[in-house]
């Protein structure tokens, strides 16, 4: 390992943190499922809800065998894990960890409920964005960080 190589522990910690935050928030939502089923307005444009999504992003692949989505997610997590350990900078390592933690959070839901627990409902007027969860936020944020990593790393290299 070169001296400039960043520690993969940043990504491992990010994965553990993302996974824990996701599972804690989902446990709170599941414990309050009856109340959240009707939705609770938090502020105009945002509700807390309880929804189970048996598909992937935006309900795509809904109705696909739950085990196939788990197998796909786990295969992607293995590949991302390899990429995490090969990452050249802390931004990439953090991004891979966030994606892995979020993905594993949704895998746990699929194992337990055969669907993913979603609870964040944003809307404008009567048009609602598909409900999502913290795992989704970590996955999307991680992908965003990966896309921005070349520019972030050039501006301010981070060394461990």
C-alpha atoms as a PDB file:
ATOM      1  CA  UNK A   1       0.000   0.000   0.000  1.00  0.00           C
ATOM      2  CA  UNK A   2       1.410   3.394  -0.966  1.00  0.00           C
ATOM      3  CA  UNK A   3       1.901   6.174   1.544  1.00  0.00           C
ATOM      4  CA  UNK A   4      -0.733   8.311  -0.195  1.00  0.00           C
ATOM      5  CA  UNK A   5      -3.381   5.590  -0.130  1.00  0.00           C
ATOM      6  CA  UNK A   6      -6.274   6.409   2.157  1.00  0.00           C
ATOM      7  CA  UNK A   7      -7.438   4.013   4.854  1.00  0.00           C
ATOM      8  CA  UNK A   8     -10.493   1.951   3.889  1.00  0.00           C
ATOM      9  CA  UNK A   9     -11.676   2.344   7.496  1.00  0.00           C
ATOM     10  CA  UNK A  10     -13.254   5.693   6.513  1.00  0.00           C
ATOM     11  CA  UNK A  11     -15.541   3.773   4.167  1.00  0.00           C
ATOM     12  CA  UNK A  12     -16.171   0.996   6.673  1.00  0.00           C
ATOM     13  CA  UNK A  13     -17.193   3.577   9.273  1.00  0.00           C
ATOM     14  CA  UNK A  14     -19.408   5.341   6.708  1.00  0.00           C
ATOM     15  CA  UNK A  15     -21.092   2.033   5.859  1.00  0.00           C
ATOM     16  CA  UNK A  16     -21.702   1.230   9.530  1.00  0.00           C
ATOM     17  CA  UNK A  17     -23.047   4.732  10.227  1.00  0.00           C
ATOM     18  CA  UNK A  18     -25.339   4.707   7.176  1.00  0.00           C
ATOM     19  CA  UNK A  19     -26.622   1.244   8.062  1.00  0.00           C
ATOM     20  CA  UNK A  20     -27.255   2.186  11.712  1.00  0.00           C
ATOM     21  CA  UNK A  21     -29.047   5.454  10.886  1.00  0.00           C
ATOM     22  CA  UNK A  22     -31.199   3.676   8.321  1.00  0.00           C
ATOM     23  CA  UNK A  23     -32.155   0.827  10.656  1.00  0.00           C
ATOM     24  CA  UNK A  24     -32.886   3.116  13.617  1.00  0.00           C
ATOM     25  CA  UNK A  25     -35.159   5.392  11.574  1.00  0.00           C
ATOM     26  CA  UNK A  26     -36.965   2.422  10.024  1.00  0.00           C
ATOM     27  CA  UNK A  27     -37.486   0.850  13.471  1.00  0.00           C
ATOM     28  CA  UNK A  28     -39.117   4.074  14.653  1.00  0.00           C
ATOM     29  CA  UNK A  29     -41.335   4.156  11.565  1.00  0.00           C
ATOM     30  CA  UNK A  30     -42.363   0.490  11.889  1.00  0.00           C
ATOM     31  CA  UNK A  31     -43.152   1.015  15.594  1.00  0.00           C
ATOM     32  CA  UNK A  32     -45.458   3.882  14.566  1.00  0.00           C
ATOM     33  CA  UNK A  33     -46.821   2.292  11.388  1.00  0.00           C
ATOM     34  CA  UNK A  34     -50.488   2.639  12.344  1.00  0.00           C
ATOM     35  CA  UNK A  35     -50.165   6.379  12.930  1.00  0.00           C
ATOM     36  CA  UNK A  36     -47.967   6.940   9.879  1.00  0.00           C
ATOM     37  CA  UNK A  37     -50.157   4.923   7.496  1.00  0.00           C
ATOM     38  CA  UNK A  38     -52.420   7.936   7.049  1.00  0.00           C
ATOM     39  CA  UNK A  39     -49.413  10.263   6.870  1.00  0.00           C
ATOM     40  CA  UNK A  40     -48.376  12.995   9.274  1.00  0.00           C
ATOM     41  CA  UNK A  41     -47.820  16.469   7.817  1.00  0.00           C
ATOM     42  CA  UNK A  42     -44.502  17.890   9.046  1.00  0.00           C
ATOM     43  CA  UNK A  43     -44.518  21.091   6.993  1.00  0.00           C
ATOM     44  CA  UNK A  44     -46.056  22.083   3.643  1.00  0.00           C
ATOM     45  CA  UNK A  45     -44.490  19.828   1.038  1.00  0.00           C
ATOM     46  CA  UNK A  46     -43.363  17.094   3.440  1.00  0.00           C
ATOM     47  CA  UNK A  47     -45.118  14.242   5.246  1.00  0.00           C
ATOM     48  CA  UNK A  48     -43.946  11.290   7.262  1.00  0.00           C
ATOM     49  CA  UNK A  49     -45.659   8.144   6.002  1.00  0.00           C
ATOM     50  CA  UNK A  50     -45.434   4.379   6.259  1.00  0.00           C
ATOM     51  CA  UNK A  51     -45.141   2.580   2.951  1.00  0.00           C
ATOM     52  CA  UNK A  52     -43.700  -0.762   1.854  1.00  0.00           C
ATOM     53  CA  UNK A  53     -42.077  -0.840  -1.579  1.00  0.00           C
ATOM     54  CA  UNK A  54     -41.450  -4.286  -3.055  1.00  0.00           C
ATOM     55  CA  UNK A  55     -39.580  -2.830  -6.024  1.00  0.00           C
ATOM     56  CA  UNK A  56     -36.463  -0.727  -6.309  1.00  0.00           C
ATOM     57  CA  UNK A  57     -36.128   3.010  -6.927  1.00  0.00           C
ATOM     58  CA  UNK A  58     -39.486   4.598  -7.776  1.00  0.00           C
ATOM     59  CA  UNK A  59     -41.139   1.177  -7.535  1.00  0.00           C
ATOM     60  CA  UNK A  60     -39.373  -0.148 -10.639  1.00  0.00           C
ATOM     61  CA  UNK A  61     -39.146  -3.943 -10.726  1.00  0.00           C
ATOM     62  CA  UNK A  62     -42.115  -4.131  -8.357  1.00  0.00           C
ATOM     63  CA  UNK A  63     -43.317  -7.705  -8.155  1.00  0.00           C
ATOM     64  CA  UNK A  64     -39.854  -9.122  -8.898  1.00  0.00           C
ATOM     65  CA  UNK A  65     -38.942 -12.012  -6.591  1.00  0.00           C
ATOM     66  CA  UNK A  66     -37.657 -10.487  -3.352  1.00  0.00           C
ATOM     67  CA  UNK A  67     -34.705 -12.862  -3.233  1.00  0.00           C
ATOM     68  CA  UNK A  68     -33.534 -11.759  -6.686  1.00  0.00           C
ATOM     69  CA  UNK A  69     -33.356  -8.142  -5.528  1.00  0.00           C
ATOM     70  CA  UNK A  70     -31.384  -9.256  -2.458  1.00  0.00           C
ATOM     71  CA  UNK A  71     -28.958 -11.264  -4.603  1.00  0.00           C
ATOM     72  CA  UNK A  72     -28.475  -8.315  -6.963  1.00  0.00           C
ATOM     73  CA  UNK A  73     -27.907  -5.872  -4.079  1.00  0.00           C
ATOM     74  CA  UNK A  74     -25.428  -8.185  -2.360  1.00  0.00           C
ATOM     75  CA  UNK A  75     -23.484  -8.734  -5.587  1.00  0.00           C
ATOM     76  CA  UNK A  76     -23.283  -4.966  -6.090  1.00  0.00           C
ATOM     77  CA  UNK A  77     -22.171  -4.511  -2.461  1.00  0.00           C
ATOM     78  CA  UNK A  78     -19.347  -7.025  -2.946  1.00  0.00           C
ATOM     79  CA  UNK A  79     -18.187  -5.153  -6.046  1.00  0.00           C
ATOM     80  CA  UNK A  80     -18.433  -1.807  -4.214  1.00  0.00           C
ATOM     81  CA  UNK A  81     -16.498  -3.302  -1.293  1.00  0.00           C
ATOM     82  CA  UNK A  82     -13.659  -4.168  -3.644  1.00  0.00           C
ATOM     83  CA  UNK A  83     -13.802  -0.632  -5.035  1.00  0.00           C
ATOM     84  CA  UNK A  84     -13.770   0.786  -1.500  1.00  0.00           C
ATOM     85  CA  UNK A  85     -10.497  -1.002  -0.724  1.00  0.00           C
ATOM     86  CA  UNK A  86      -9.014   0.178  -4.020  1.00  0.00           C
ATOM     87  CA  UNK A  87     -10.119   3.817  -3.576  1.00  0.00           C
ATOM     88  CA  UNK A  88      -7.410   6.404  -4.012  1.00  0.00           C
ATOM     89  CA  UNK A  89      -8.869   9.147  -1.811  1.00  0.00           C
ATOM     90  CA  UNK A  90     -11.092   9.688   1.202  1.00  0.00           C
ATOM     91  CA  UNK A  91     -13.995  11.082  -0.834  1.00  0.00           C
ATOM     92  CA  UNK A  92     -14.288   7.894  -2.877  1.00  0.00           C
ATOM     93  CA  UNK A  93     -13.870   5.747   0.228  1.00  0.00           C
ATOM     94  CA  UNK A  94     -16.617   7.678   2.031  1.00  0.00           C
ATOM     95  CA  UNK A  95     -18.884   7.460  -1.017  1.00  0.00           C
ATOM     96  CA  UNK A  96     -18.485   3.698  -1.409  1.00  0.00           C
ATOM     97  CA  UNK A  97     -19.151   3.224   2.292  1.00  0.00           C
ATOM     98  CA  UNK A  98     -22.332   5.322   2.179  1.00  0.00           C
ATOM     99  CA  UNK A  99     -23.653   3.349  -0.796  1.00  0.00           C
ATOM    100  CA  UNK A 100     -22.829  -0.003   0.792  1.00  0.00           C
ATOM    101  CA  UNK A 101     -24.408   0.936   4.143  1.00  0.00           C
ATOM    102  CA  UNK A 102     -27.574   2.191   2.471  1.00  0.00           C
ATOM    103  CA  UNK A 103     -27.843  -0.831   0.209  1.00  0.00           C
ATOM    104  CA  UNK A 104     -27.381  -3.239   3.113  1.00  0.00           C
ATOM    105  CA  UNK A 105     -30.048  -1.352   5.079  1.00  0.00           C
ATOM    106  CA  UNK A 106     -32.529  -2.020   2.295  1.00  0.00           C
ATOM    107  CA  UNK A 107     -31.356  -5.644   2.010  1.00  0.00           C
ATOM    108  CA  UNK A 108     -32.231  -6.182   5.682  1.00  0.00           C
ATOM    109  CA  UNK A 109     -35.737  -4.841   5.007  1.00  0.00           C
ATOM    110  CA  UNK A 110     -36.161  -7.225   2.072  1.00  0.00           C
ATOM    111  CA  UNK A 111     -35.070 -10.153   4.225  1.00  0.00           C
ATOM    112  CA  UNK A 112     -37.415  -9.179   7.085  1.00  0.00           C
ATOM    113  CA  UNK A 113     -40.457  -7.835   5.211  1.00  0.00           C
ATOM    114  CA  UNK A 114     -39.952  -8.856   1.550  1.00  0.00           C
ATOM    115  CA  UNK A 115     -40.132  -5.111   0.819  1.00  0.00           C
ATOM    116  CA  UNK A 116     -38.398  -1.874   1.792  1.00  0.00           C
ATOM    117  CA  UNK A 117     -39.833   0.502   4.398  1.00  0.00           C
ATOM    118  CA  UNK A 118     -40.191   4.020   2.977  1.00  0.00           C
ATOM    119  CA  UNK A 119     -41.338   7.004   5.022  1.00  0.00           C
ATOM    120  CA  UNK A 120     -40.157  10.330   3.582  1.00  0.00           C
ATOM    121  CA  UNK A 121     -42.881  11.863   1.410  1.00  0.00           C
ATOM    122  CA  UNK A 122     -42.133  15.127  -0.424  1.00  0.00           C
ATOM    123  CA  UNK A 123     -44.756  16.777  -2.608  1.00  0.00           C
ATOM    124  CA  UNK A 124     -45.824  19.916  -4.440  1.00  0.00           C
ATOM    125  CA  UNK A 125     -49.581  20.447  -4.504  1.00  0.00           C
ATOM    126  CA  UNK A 126     -51.022  17.011  -5.190  1.00  0.00           C
ATOM    127  CA  UNK A 127     -47.918  15.674  -6.953  1.00  0.00           C
ATOM    128  CA  UNK A 128     -45.871  13.408  -4.690  1.00  0.00           C
ATOM    129  CA  UNK A 129     -42.285  12.296  -5.232  1.00  0.00           C
ATOM    130  CA  UNK A 130     -42.105   8.535  -4.588  1.00  0.00           C
ATOM    131  CA  UNK A 131     -41.586   7.926  -0.858  1.00  0.00           C
ATOM    132  CA  UNK A 132     -38.051   6.982   0.159  1.00  0.00           C
ATOM    133  CA  UNK A 133     -35.917   6.284   3.236  1.00  0.00           C
ATOM    134  CA  UNK A 134     -32.530   7.089   4.758  1.00  0.00           C
ATOM    135  CA  UNK A 135     -30.863   4.195   2.938  1.00  0.00           C
ATOM    136  CA  UNK A 136     -31.909   5.781  -0.342  1.00  0.00           C
ATOM    137  CA  UNK A 137     -30.445   9.110   0.779  1.00  0.00           C
ATOM    138  CA  UNK A 138     -27.117   7.442   1.559  1.00  0.00           C
ATOM    139  CA  UNK A 139     -27.046   5.608  -1.779  1.00  0.00           C
ATOM    140  CA  UNK A 140     -27.866   8.732  -3.812  1.00  0.00           C
ATOM    141  CA  UNK A 141     -25.468  10.898  -1.782  1.00  0.00           C
ATOM    142  CA  UNK A 142     -22.727   8.318  -2.227  1.00  0.00           C
ATOM    143  CA  UNK A 143     -23.250   8.247  -5.982  1.00  0.00           C
ATOM    144  CA  UNK A 144     -23.183  12.056  -6.006  1.00  0.00           C
ATOM    145  CA  UNK A 145     -19.905  12.038  -4.072  1.00  0.00           C
ATOM    146  CA  UNK A 146     -18.423   9.519  -6.507  1.00  0.00           C
ATOM    147  CA  UNK A 147     -19.359  11.761  -9.418  1.00  0.00           C
ATOM    148  CA  UNK A 148     -17.873  14.820  -7.687  1.00  0.00           C
ATOM    149  CA  UNK A 149     -14.784  13.006  -6.321  1.00  0.00           C
ATOM    150  CA  UNK A 150     -12.448  13.881  -9.206  1.00  0.00           C
ATOM    151  CA  UNK A 151     -13.058  17.600  -8.688  1.00  0.00           C
ATOM    152  CA  UNK A 152     -13.127  17.494  -4.882  1.00  0.00           C
ATOM    153  CA  UNK A 153      -9.902  15.479  -4.736  1.00  0.00           C
ATOM    154  CA  UNK A 154      -8.064  17.799  -7.133  1.00  0.00           C
ATOM    155  CA  UNK A 155      -9.059  20.892  -5.177  1.00  0.00           C
ATOM    156  CA  UNK A 156      -8.183  19.588  -1.754  1.00  0.00           C
ATOM    157  CA  UNK A 157      -6.420  16.254  -1.496  1.00  0.00           C
ATOM    158  CA  UNK A 158      -7.159  14.420   1.730  1.00  0.00           C
ATOM    159  CA  UNK A 159      -4.537  12.100   3.159  1.00  0.00           C
ATOM    160  CA  UNK A 160      -4.927   9.745   6.054  1.00  0.00           C
END
